[in-house]
Protein backbone atom coordinates (compact mmCIF):
# COMPACT_ATOMS: atom_id res chain seq x y z
CA MET A 1 60.28 103.53 73.70
CA LYS A 2 61.87 101.56 70.94
CA ILE A 3 63.57 98.26 71.87
CA TYR A 4 67.03 97.65 70.65
CA LYS A 5 68.83 94.22 70.54
CA TYR A 6 72.02 93.26 71.41
CA LEU A 7 74.12 94.84 68.59
CA MET A 8 76.56 91.94 68.11
CA GLU A 9 74.52 89.11 68.78
CA SER A 10 75.31 85.70 67.14
CA GLU A 11 75.89 82.10 67.95
CA ASP A 12 79.39 82.70 68.11
CA GLU A 13 79.36 85.87 70.33
CA ALA A 14 80.78 83.79 73.46
CA LEU A 15 83.77 82.69 71.46
CA ARG A 16 84.63 86.17 70.33
CA LEU A 17 84.30 87.88 73.39
CA GLU A 18 86.65 85.05 74.93
CA LEU A 19 89.31 85.50 72.45
CA LYS A 20 89.28 89.29 72.61
CA THR A 21 89.62 89.53 76.46
CA ASP A 22 93.31 89.63 77.52
CA VAL A 23 93.58 88.34 81.07
CA THR A 24 96.58 90.33 81.58
CA VAL A 25 95.53 93.42 80.78
CA VAL A 26 91.95 93.04 82.97
CA GLU A 27 94.32 92.18 85.80
CA GLN A 28 96.26 95.51 85.34
CA GLN A 29 92.90 97.39 84.95
CA ALA A 30 91.07 95.95 88.01
CA LYS A 31 94.38 96.68 90.13
CA TRP A 32 94.68 99.99 88.95
CA ALA A 33 90.94 100.22 89.87
CA GLY A 34 91.45 99.44 93.36
CA ILE A 35 90.35 95.78 93.79
CA GLU A 36 91.48 94.02 96.91
CA PRO A 37 91.07 90.76 98.62
CA GLY A 38 87.75 90.15 100.42
CA MET A 39 85.86 92.22 98.37
CA ARG A 40 82.30 91.50 97.19
CA ILE A 41 82.27 91.84 93.42
CA ALA A 42 79.64 92.43 90.61
CA ASP A 43 80.60 91.99 86.99
CA ILE A 44 78.15 93.57 84.95
CA GLY A 45 77.86 92.37 81.66
CA CYS A 46 79.87 89.35 82.48
CA GLY A 47 79.34 87.88 78.78
CA PRO A 48 81.25 84.46 78.85
CA GLY A 49 82.86 85.14 82.58
CA ILE A 50 86.49 85.07 81.56
CA THR A 51 86.70 88.48 83.16
CA THR A 52 84.59 87.41 86.19
CA ARG A 53 87.02 84.71 86.84
CA THR A 54 90.20 87.02 86.47
CA LEU A 55 88.26 89.36 88.86
CA HIS A 56 87.29 86.76 91.53
CA ALA A 57 91.00 85.81 91.33
CA LEU A 58 92.34 88.93 92.36
CA SER A 59 89.64 89.32 95.39
CA GLN A 60 90.94 86.25 96.96
CA PRO A 61 90.96 85.08 99.74
CA LYS A 62 87.43 85.23 100.85
CA GLY A 63 86.16 87.53 98.06
CA LYS A 64 83.09 86.70 96.43
CA THR A 65 81.84 87.54 92.65
CA ILE A 66 78.66 87.71 90.96
CA GLY A 67 78.69 87.71 86.93
CA ILE A 68 75.27 89.48 85.46
CA ASP A 69 74.60 89.33 82.13
CA PHE A 70 71.25 89.40 80.05
CA SER A 71 72.60 86.68 77.82
CA GLU A 72 71.23 82.98 78.54
CA PRO A 73 73.64 81.43 76.17
CA ARG A 74 76.69 83.20 77.60
CA ILE A 75 75.42 82.87 81.20
CA GLU A 76 75.30 79.18 80.33
CA TYR A 77 78.94 79.24 78.84
CA ALA A 78 80.38 81.19 81.91
CA ARG A 79 78.80 78.54 83.93
CA GLU A 80 80.29 75.80 82.12
CA HIS A 81 83.81 77.02 81.58
CA HIS A 82 84.60 79.70 84.15
CA LYS A 83 83.05 78.32 87.29
CA ASN A 84 84.99 78.51 90.51
CA GLU A 85 83.75 78.48 94.19
CA GLY A 86 82.74 82.11 95.23
CA ILE A 87 81.60 82.83 91.63
CA GLU A 88 78.07 82.78 90.89
CA TYR A 89 76.24 83.93 87.58
CA VAL A 90 73.05 85.59 87.43
CA LEU A 91 70.82 86.03 84.35
CA ASP A 92 69.42 89.53 84.51
CA ASP A 93 69.57 92.88 83.07
CA ALA A 94 71.57 96.04 84.17
CA ARG A 95 68.67 98.12 83.21
CA ASN A 96 66.58 96.35 85.51
CA PRO A 97 66.54 96.80 89.23
CA LEU A 98 69.22 94.44 90.97
CA ASP A 99 68.67 94.91 94.53
CA LYS A 100 67.87 91.39 95.13
CA LEU A 101 71.58 90.99 94.46
CA GLY A 102 72.45 92.75 97.66
CA LEU A 103 75.54 95.36 97.87
CA PHE A 104 78.96 95.28 96.46
CA ASP A 105 82.36 96.61 97.68
CA PHE A 106 83.53 97.02 93.82
CA VAL A 107 81.23 97.10 90.72
CA TRP A 108 83.06 96.68 87.29
CA VAL A 109 81.46 97.74 83.83
CA ARG A 110 83.63 97.23 81.00
CA PHE A 111 82.26 97.21 77.48
CA LEU A 112 78.76 97.46 78.16
CA LEU A 113 77.76 101.03 77.95
CA GLU A 114 78.78 101.15 74.35
CA TYR A 115 75.81 99.50 73.32
CA TYR A 116 73.41 102.02 75.07
CA LEU A 117 73.73 105.51 73.54
CA LEU A 118 70.25 105.75 74.77
CA GLY A 119 70.03 104.90 78.34
CA SER A 120 73.90 104.41 79.44
CA PHE A 121 73.58 107.10 82.13
CA ASN A 122 70.33 105.36 83.45
CA ILE A 123 72.31 102.12 83.74
CA VAL A 124 74.94 103.75 85.77
CA LYS A 125 72.53 105.25 88.14
CA ASN A 126 71.12 101.92 88.38
CA LEU A 127 74.37 100.00 89.46
CA VAL A 128 75.28 103.03 92.06
CA LYS A 129 72.02 101.64 94.06
CA ILE A 130 73.68 98.10 94.62
CA LEU A 131 77.31 99.82 95.34
CA LYS A 132 78.12 100.13 99.19
CA PRO A 133 78.96 103.85 100.64
CA GLY A 134 82.52 103.81 99.95
CA GLY A 135 82.67 101.48 97.32
CA ILE A 136 84.39 101.50 93.90
CA LEU A 137 82.56 102.03 90.82
CA CYS A 138 84.98 101.44 87.69
CA LEU A 139 83.74 102.22 84.23
CA ILE A 140 85.88 101.31 81.11
CA ASP A 141 84.90 101.79 77.49
CA LEU A 142 86.33 102.55 73.83
CA ASP A 143 86.34 105.95 72.33
CA TYR A 144 86.33 106.68 68.70
CA ASN A 145 85.66 102.88 68.38
CA CYS A 146 86.78 101.33 65.02
CA LEU A 147 86.98 104.48 63.44
CA SER A 148 90.84 105.53 63.24
CA HIS A 149 92.70 103.52 60.19
CA PHE A 150 95.38 104.62 58.05
CA GLY A 151 96.58 102.61 54.60
CA ILE A 152 93.01 101.23 53.83
CA PRO A 153 91.33 102.10 50.64
CA ASP A 154 89.35 105.22 50.75
CA ARG A 155 85.93 103.63 49.98
CA LEU A 156 86.38 101.05 52.65
CA GLU A 157 87.31 103.69 55.13
CA ASN A 158 84.00 105.49 53.80
CA THR A 159 81.89 102.12 54.14
CA VAL A 160 83.30 101.69 57.68
CA ASN A 161 82.05 105.45 58.78
CA GLU A 162 78.72 104.96 57.49
CA ILE A 163 78.26 101.80 58.93
CA MET A 164 79.27 103.03 62.18
CA HIS A 165 76.93 105.92 61.73
CA GLY A 166 74.04 103.58 60.94
CA LEU A 167 74.67 101.78 64.06
CA GLN A 168 74.19 104.92 66.10
CA THR A 169 70.92 105.86 64.48
CA LYS A 170 69.65 102.37 64.13
CA ALA A 171 71.31 100.38 66.50
CA ASN A 172 71.78 102.43 69.61
CA PHE A 173 75.79 102.11 69.57
CA ASP A 174 77.87 104.57 70.83
CA PRO A 175 81.33 105.03 69.58
CA TYR A 176 82.18 107.91 71.66
CA ILE A 177 81.08 106.44 75.16
CA GLY A 178 84.49 106.50 76.35
CA ARG A 179 84.87 110.16 77.01
CA LYS A 180 81.34 110.43 78.88
CA LEU A 181 82.39 108.25 81.54
CA TYR A 182 84.01 111.03 83.89
CA SER A 183 81.09 113.04 83.67
CA TYR A 184 78.89 110.28 84.45
CA LEU A 185 80.54 109.86 88.06
CA TYR A 186 81.03 113.57 88.11
CA ASP A 187 77.21 114.26 87.80
CA LEU A 188 76.60 111.37 90.52
CA LYS A 189 78.76 113.07 92.87
CA PHE A 190 81.32 110.53 93.32
CA ASN A 191 84.78 111.04 95.16
CA ASN A 192 88.49 110.59 94.28
CA ILE A 193 87.44 110.16 90.24
CA ILE A 194 90.34 109.28 88.38
CA VAL A 195 90.61 108.73 84.62
CA ASP A 196 93.12 106.85 82.48
CA ILE A 197 93.60 106.53 78.81
CA SER A 198 95.68 104.00 76.68
CA ALA A 199 95.54 102.29 73.25
CA HIS A 200 93.14 99.24 73.30
CA HIS A 201 93.82 98.69 69.49
CA ASN A 202 97.51 99.35 68.56
CA ILE A 203 97.52 97.39 65.49
CA TYR A 204 100.45 97.50 62.83
CA GLY A 205 102.54 94.69 61.07
CA VAL A 206 101.56 91.25 60.69
CA LEU A 207 97.74 91.09 62.06
CA ASN A 208 97.14 88.29 64.80
CA LYS A 209 94.48 85.93 64.70
CA ASN A 210 92.61 87.29 67.66
CA ASP A 211 92.70 90.87 66.08
CA GLU A 212 91.38 89.30 62.68
CA TYR A 213 88.74 87.03 63.95
CA ASN A 214 87.49 90.20 66.08
CA PHE A 215 87.48 92.86 63.27
CA LEU A 216 86.18 90.61 60.47
CA LYS A 217 83.20 89.46 62.80
CA LYS A 218 82.23 92.86 63.53
CA LEU A 219 82.44 93.73 59.80
CA GLU A 220 80.29 90.80 59.47
CA ILE A 221 77.39 91.09 61.76
CA ALA A 222 77.34 94.93 62.13
CA PRO A 223 75.99 95.85 58.73
CA GLN A 224 73.30 93.07 58.88
CA LYS A 225 71.84 94.73 62.00
CA ILE A 226 71.36 97.82 59.86
CA ASN A 227 70.63 96.50 56.48
CA TYR A 228 73.36 98.46 55.13
CA LYS A 229 73.44 98.71 51.66
CA PHE A 230 77.09 98.34 50.20
CA ASN A 231 76.78 101.22 47.47
CA TYR A 232 80.80 101.72 47.00
CA TYR A 233 81.09 97.93 45.74
CA LYS A 234 79.47 96.51 42.61
CA ASP A 235 79.52 93.05 43.96
CA GLY A 236 77.98 94.46 47.44
CA TYR A 237 79.20 92.73 50.60
CA ASN A 238 81.41 89.89 49.05
CA GLU A 239 83.54 92.44 47.51
CA PHE A 240 83.40 94.51 50.78
CA ILE A 241 84.47 91.84 53.18
CA LYS A 242 87.33 90.57 50.57
CA GLU A 243 88.54 93.97 50.25
CA ALA A 244 88.43 94.47 54.35
CA GLU A 245 90.00 91.44 54.88
CA ASP A 246 92.86 92.03 52.50
CA SER A 247 93.12 95.54 53.76
CA PHE A 248 93.40 94.43 57.48
CA LYS A 249 96.09 91.99 56.74
CA ASN A 250 98.42 94.26 55.00
CA PRO A 251 101.12 94.75 57.56
CA ARG A 252 101.11 98.59 56.27
CA ARG A 253 98.03 99.31 57.80
CA PHE A 254 97.53 100.93 61.03
CA THR A 255 94.54 100.95 63.18
CA TYR A 256 94.32 102.27 67.00
CA THR A 257 91.45 102.67 69.40
CA PRO A 258 91.43 104.65 72.73
CA ILE A 259 90.56 103.05 75.80
CA ILE A 260 89.28 105.12 78.69
CA LEU A 261 89.23 103.82 82.24
CA CYS A 262 87.05 105.75 85.04
CA LYS A 263 86.81 105.13 88.70
CA GLY A 264 85.25 106.80 91.67
CA ILE A 265 84.10 106.08 95.19
CA LYS A 266 80.42 106.22 96.19
CA PRO A 267 79.78 109.20 98.78
CA LYS A 268 79.31 107.82 102.46
CA LYS A 269 76.53 110.28 102.94
């Protein structure tokens, strides 16, 4: 079996994840999912810990939260920047058995499954094992990720589409994971499944600094991971990234990406 490395790995990844996380949105999503005070919570793929700390605050009083991630640098970042009484950060992989962590009332999986085109359903099955009967599993991810733009040059759009296709075939990335989440909970016979959809990216007018950093960082790192050749650009990557930067900063440009939230309750029998 081919082993895929994390697509967005770089020395700045903790910072990118931190900057792109809107705490207010996380709070809204977690409340929608049914988080309550006193719950024992697992944040799977916790990254730099900002989401973990947000979930933990919503579980107070008396809640306990464990953030799990396979990246040692990001676990260290979380322990340094987002520590709190009642929060524990654990270095582990969601593809491995996690039984030693015990059972949880609420398991949260946000922006993780998109990195596992092959294997995402197996990850969800694995996480069901650490969820208490009657507990809540919340899966959140994007659909048609980074593929919806208007007002950018044709060659730039073609390049972005080719890069995304290459990420699927060479890097195990799934830009269409969002639409699969409901079927995962359905096939696992979860009860009371509810789905919600809204805009994650809704970008028009003046580009804010966080969106600029996030998109350009993706365009910097992703092509390198698949050794993409910039055939539409005479001067290769440098010409491409200049056009990408100019195009995304153009206030006429419109970009959107749907986010799909899916929650369900584990059967008690």
